[in-house]
N, C-alpha and C. Protein backbone atom coordinates (compact mmCIF):
# COMPACT_ATOMS: atom_id res chain seq x y z
N UNK A 1 115.12 92.87 108.35
CA UNK A 1 114.89 91.82 107.74
C UNK A 1 114.17 92.25 106.34
N UNK A 2 114.28 91.08 105.28
CA UNK A 2 114.52 91.00 104.34
C UNK A 2 112.74 91.30 103.83
N UNK A 3 112.10 90.90 102.56
CA UNK A 3 111.73 90.45 102.25
C UNK A 3 111.04 89.07 101.40
N UNK A 4 112.00 88.60 102.38
CA UNK A 4 112.50 87.43 102.06
C UNK A 4 111.48 85.80 102.76
N UNK A 5 110.96 85.08 102.38
CA UNK A 5 109.98 83.69 103.52
C UNK A 5 110.67 82.25 103.09
N UNK A 6 111.07 81.36 104.24
CA UNK A 6 111.09 80.55 104.08
C UNK A 6 109.25 79.57 102.96
N UNK A 7 108.06 80.36 103.45
CA UNK A 7 107.36 79.77 103.02
C UNK A 7 106.18 80.73 103.51
N UNK A 8 105.46 80.86 101.79
CA UNK A 8 104.61 82.24 102.02
C UNK A 8 103.34 81.77 101.55
N UNK A 9 102.55 82.10 102.22
CA UNK A 9 100.82 81.61 101.72
C UNK A 9 99.75 82.20 100.96
N UNK A 10 99.25 81.86 99.79
CA UNK A 10 98.25 82.28 99.11
C UNK A 10 96.55 81.83 99.58
N UNK A 11 96.45 80.82 100.06
CA UNK A 11 94.80 80.54 99.80
C UNK A 11 94.17 81.31 100.92
N UNK A 12 93.25 81.63 100.50
CA UNK A 12 92.57 82.39 101.79
C UNK A 12 92.40 82.63 102.85
N UNK A 13 91.94 80.42 103.04
CA UNK A 13 92.03 80.04 104.95
C UNK A 13 93.49 80.50 104.65
N UNK A 14 94.05 80.23 104.65
CA UNK A 14 96.24 79.52 105.18
C UNK A 14 95.79 81.61 105.18
N UNK A 15 95.58 82.49 104.95
CA UNK A 15 95.79 84.12 104.82
C UNK A 15 95.07 84.65 105.98
N UNK A 16 93.88 83.68 106.29
CA UNK A 16 92.76 83.81 107.52
C UNK A 16 93.19 83.55 108.63
N UNK A 17 93.89 82.56 108.67
CA UNK A 17 94.46 81.59 109.35
C UNK A 17 95.90 82.67 109.92
N UNK A 18 96.78 83.80 109.46
CA UNK A 18 97.90 84.31 109.69
C UNK A 18 96.90 85.37 110.24
N UNK A 19 95.81 85.91 110.03
CA UNK A 19 95.42 87.48 110.42
C UNK A 19 94.62 86.24 111.89
N UNK A 20 94.43 85.37 111.98
CA UNK A 20 93.48 84.91 113.02
C UNK A 20 94.55 85.39 114.06
N UNK A 21 95.92 85.20 113.73
CA UNK A 21 97.17 85.05 115.06
C UNK A 21 97.83 86.30 115.42
N UNK A 22 97.41 86.94 114.69
CA UNK A 22 97.29 88.56 114.50
C UNK A 22 96.75 89.37 115.57
N UNK A 23 95.32 88.48 115.40
CA UNK A 23 94.31 89.37 116.14
C UNK A 23 94.54 88.79 117.97
N UNK A 24 95.87 87.53 117.97
CA UNK A 24 95.67 87.01 119.55
C UNK A 24 97.06 87.80 120.16
N UNK A 25 97.81 87.99 118.95
CA UNK A 25 99.19 88.36 119.14
C UNK A 25 98.69 90.34 119.69
N UNK A 26 98.67 90.62 120.81
CA UNK A 26 98.42 91.87 121.01
C UNK A 26 99.78 92.17 121.78
N UNK A 27 99.77 93.26 121.74
CA UNK A 27 101.25 94.64 122.03
C UNK A 27 101.60 93.82 123.49
N UNK A 28 102.44 93.48 124.66
CA UNK A 28 103.05 93.24 125.36
C UNK A 28 101.76 92.17 126.34
N UNK A 29 101.58 91.52 125.61
CA UNK A 29 100.71 90.29 126.01
C UNK A 29 102.47 88.94 126.23
N UNK A 30 101.98 88.53 127.10
CA UNK A 30 103.01 87.43 127.36
C UNK A 30 102.37 85.80 127.23
N UNK A 31 102.75 85.56 125.82
CA UNK A 31 102.75 84.08 125.24
C UNK A 31 103.61 82.96 125.41
N UNK A 32 103.47 82.04 125.18
CA UNK A 32 103.91 80.73 124.77
C UNK A 32 103.17 80.43 123.28
N UNK A 33 103.81 80.94 122.35
CA UNK A 33 104.39 80.37 121.19
C UNK A 33 104.26 78.61 120.73
N UNK A 34 103.59 77.19 120.62
CA UNK A 34 103.29 76.39 119.91
C UNK A 34 104.02 76.70 118.56
N UNK A 35 104.78 76.07 118.32
CA UNK A 35 105.08 76.00 116.44
C UNK A 35 104.68 74.47 116.54
N UNK A 36 104.46 74.58 114.79
CA UNK A 36 104.11 73.40 114.10
C UNK A 36 104.90 72.11 114.22
N UNK A 37 106.24 72.16 114.03
CA UNK A 37 107.64 71.37 114.57
C UNK A 37 107.13 70.75 115.86
N UNK A 38 106.40 71.76 117.33
CA UNK A 38 106.89 71.22 118.55
C UNK A 38 107.63 71.78 119.24
N UNK A 39 108.12 72.79 119.16
CA UNK A 39 108.83 74.48 119.19
C UNK A 39 108.37 74.71 120.41
N UNK A 40 108.35 74.93 121.22
CA UNK A 40 107.90 76.39 122.00
C UNK A 40 108.78 77.68 122.15
N UNK A 41 108.01 79.15 122.20
CA UNK A 41 108.80 80.03 122.34
C UNK A 41 107.51 80.72 123.32
N UNK A 42 108.56 81.24 124.61
CA UNK A 42 107.81 82.36 125.31
C UNK A 42 108.45 84.22 125.41
N UNK A 43 107.18 84.59 125.55
CA UNK A 43 107.91 85.64 125.89
C UNK A 43 106.61 87.31 125.78
N UNK A 44 106.60 87.68 125.66
CA UNK A 44 106.39 89.17 125.56
C UNK A 44 105.80 89.73 124.13
N UNK A 45 104.91 90.19 122.99
CA UNK A 45 104.82 90.38 122.33
C UNK A 45 105.16 92.26 122.14
N UNK A 46 106.19 92.41 121.81
CA UNK A 46 106.92 93.97 121.47
C UNK A 46 106.45 94.41 120.83
N UNK A 47 105.82 94.21 119.41
CA UNK A 47 105.05 94.70 118.53
C UNK A 47 103.66 93.62 117.43
N UNK A 48 102.83 94.37 117.91
CA UNK A 48 101.37 93.47 116.49
C UNK A 48 102.31 93.84 115.57
N UNK A 49 101.92 91.75 115.43
CA UNK A 49 102.70 91.78 113.67
C UNK A 49 101.33 92.47 112.61
N UNK A 50 101.83 92.29 111.70
CA UNK A 50 101.48 92.21 110.22
C UNK A 50 101.53 91.32 109.75
N UNK A 51 100.33 90.81 108.82
CA UNK A 51 100.87 89.63 107.75
C UNK A 51 100.84 91.38 106.70
N UNK A 52 102.17 90.09 105.57
CA UNK A 52 103.17 90.54 104.74
C UNK A 52 103.03 90.35 103.75
N UNK A 53 103.40 90.71 102.40
CA UNK A 53 103.47 89.93 101.44
C UNK A 53 105.00 89.80 101.06
N UNK A 54 106.20 88.70 100.92
CA UNK A 54 106.87 88.38 100.86
C UNK A 54 107.18 87.38 99.07
N UNK A 55 108.29 86.79 99.41
CA UNK A 55 108.78 85.60 98.27
C UNK A 55 109.36 84.85 98.84
N UNK A 56 108.86 83.62 98.71
CA UNK A 56 109.52 81.82 98.95
C UNK A 56 110.76 81.95 98.11
N UNK A 57 111.75 81.55 98.05
CA UNK A 57 112.97 80.93 97.56
C UNK A 57 112.72 80.56 95.72
N UNK A 58 111.44 79.87 95.27
CA UNK A 58 111.40 80.38 94.64
C UNK A 58 110.38 80.90 94.36
N UNK A 59 110.85 82.82 93.98
CA UNK A 59 110.51 83.85 93.45
C UNK A 59 108.23 84.06 93.86
N UNK A 60 108.26 82.87 94.72
CA UNK A 60 106.18 82.87 94.35
C UNK A 60 105.99 84.05 95.59
N UNK A 61 104.91 84.95 95.33
CA UNK A 61 104.34 86.05 96.07
C UNK A 61 103.60 85.21 96.91
N UNK A 62 103.36 85.85 98.42
CA UNK A 62 102.61 84.57 99.33
C UNK A 62 102.65 86.02 100.22
N UNK A 63 101.83 85.21 101.23
CA UNK A 63 102.18 86.50 102.66
C UNK A 63 102.07 85.63 103.97
N UNK A 64 102.85 86.14 104.61
CA UNK A 64 103.17 86.14 105.63
C UNK A 64 103.63 86.80 106.74
N UNK A 65 104.39 86.80 108.06
CA UNK A 65 104.47 87.53 108.90
C UNK A 65 104.91 87.10 110.12
N UNK A 66 105.91 88.13 110.40
CA UNK A 66 106.11 87.56 112.04
C UNK A 66 106.25 88.83 113.19
N UNK A 67 106.39 87.55 114.40
CA UNK A 67 106.08 88.49 115.89
C UNK A 67 107.40 88.50 116.20
N UNK A 68 107.24 89.49 117.56
CA UNK A 68 109.22 89.83 117.49
C UNK A 68 108.39 89.44 119.03
N UNK A 69 109.79 88.62 119.58
CA UNK A 69 108.68 88.63 121.10
C UNK A 69 110.24 89.06 121.95
N UNK A 70 109.96 89.59 123.24
CA UNK A 70 110.94 89.73 123.83
C UNK A 70 110.63 89.48 125.71
N UNK A 71 111.76 88.83 126.44
CA UNK A 71 111.89 88.27 127.59
C UNK A 71 112.56 89.46 129.31
N UNK A 72 111.71 90.23 129.83
CA UNK A 72 112.63 91.16 130.62
C UNK A 72 114.02 90.40 131.17
N UNK A 73 113.34 89.38 131.23
CA UNK A 73 114.86 88.99 132.18
C UNK A 73 115.87 88.92 131.20
N UNK A 74 115.84 88.53 129.58
CA UNK A 74 117.63 87.87 129.17
C UNK A 74 117.08 89.46 128.41
N UNK A 75 117.57 90.74 128.28
CA UNK A 75 117.25 91.73 127.75
C UNK A 75 117.86 91.50 126.50
N UNK A 76 119.32 90.70 125.68
CA UNK A 76 119.77 90.72 124.78
C UNK A 76 119.40 90.09 124.03
N UNK A 77 118.11 88.94 124.50
CA UNK A 77 117.42 88.06 123.52
C UNK A 77 115.88 88.89 122.61
N UNK A 78 115.98 88.15 121.66
CA UNK A 78 114.31 88.63 120.95
C UNK A 78 114.00 87.30 120.75
N UNK A 79 112.94 87.20 120.02
CA UNK A 79 112.49 85.58 119.53
C UNK A 79 112.33 86.21 118.58
N UNK A 80 112.21 85.21 117.18
CA UNK A 80 110.82 85.85 115.97
C UNK A 80 110.74 84.71 115.50
N UNK A 81 109.20 85.00 115.41
CA UNK A 81 108.64 83.95 115.18
C UNK A 81 107.56 83.63 114.01
N UNK A 82 107.63 83.04 112.77
CA UNK A 82 107.62 83.29 111.90
C UNK A 82 105.70 82.94 111.45
N UNK A 83 104.34 83.71 111.38
CA UNK A 83 103.43 83.67 111.61
C UNK A 83 102.78 82.57 110.75
N UNK A 84 103.74 81.63 110.33
CA UNK A 84 102.91 80.77 109.46
C UNK A 84 103.61 79.29 110.67
N UNK A 85 104.57 79.90 111.09
CA UNK A 85 105.15 78.42 111.73
C UNK A 85 104.08 78.10 112.82
N UNK A 86 102.92 78.29 113.37
CA UNK A 86 102.74 78.87 113.97
C UNK A 86 101.23 77.81 114.20
N UNK A 87 101.19 76.87 115.94
CA UNK A 87 100.25 75.81 115.85
C UNK A 87 99.36 76.20 116.40
N UNK A 88 99.74 77.07 117.51
CA UNK A 88 98.97 77.20 118.74
C UNK A 88 99.79 78.20 119.62
N UNK A 89 98.94 79.37 119.86
CA UNK A 89 99.09 80.34 121.34
C UNK A 89 98.17 79.83 122.42
N UNK A 90 98.80 80.15 123.72
CA UNK A 90 98.95 80.25 124.75
C UNK A 90 99.25 81.02 125.21
N UNK A 91 97.93 81.91 125.61
CA UNK A 91 98.03 83.12 127.03
C UNK A 91 98.67 83.00 128.42
N UNK A 92 99.94 84.04 128.84
CA UNK A 92 100.29 83.39 129.77
C UNK A 92 99.84 84.40 131.11
N UNK A 93 98.94 85.62 130.40
CA UNK A 93 98.43 86.44 131.29
C UNK A 93 97.33 87.46 130.86
N UNK A 94 96.67 88.30 131.23
CA UNK A 94 95.11 88.75 130.68
C UNK A 94 95.26 89.54 129.79
N UNK A 95 96.51 90.03 128.97
CA UNK A 95 96.36 91.03 128.08
C UNK A 95 95.65 90.03 126.78
N UNK A 96 94.79 90.07 126.20
CA UNK A 96 94.07 89.85 125.23
C UNK A 96 93.86 90.50 124.19
N UNK A 97 93.20 90.40 122.65
CA UNK A 97 92.92 90.78 121.95
C UNK A 97 92.19 91.95 122.03
N UNK A 98 92.69 92.85 120.98
CA UNK A 98 91.92 94.45 121.21
C UNK A 98 92.19 95.35 122.74
N UNK A 99 92.72 94.74 123.95
CA UNK A 99 92.90 95.53 125.08
C UNK A 99 94.83 96.51 125.01
N UNK A 100 95.41 96.02 124.08
CA UNK A 100 96.90 96.51 124.09
C UNK A 100 97.00 96.45 122.82
N UNK A 101 96.24 97.13 121.84
CA UNK A 101 97.26 96.74 120.65
C UNK A 101 97.97 98.48 120.18
N UNK A 102 99.18 98.25 119.15
CA UNK A 102 99.93 99.58 118.71
C UNK A 102 100.52 99.51 117.06
């Protein structure tokens, strides 16, 4: 993945929300992510995401990040979700913030 993102965020409140999602996405957590468009993605967090600097299509710098989900029943699948696209995270198991960070 390059350093380009469809959307980037610059306001302190938006960046704080991205960081909140990172705190909820501990490695090995089984989650259902609800996106702003209503789509859902389920899987296990493979690596704790980070908020990073990206450029949008207009070369504006801002923050975003991605979380990569895996599904042990579909080894060739991985779901990549932009943190800025997340509306809600539902935990499907007991792995929570701070219990299994990598």
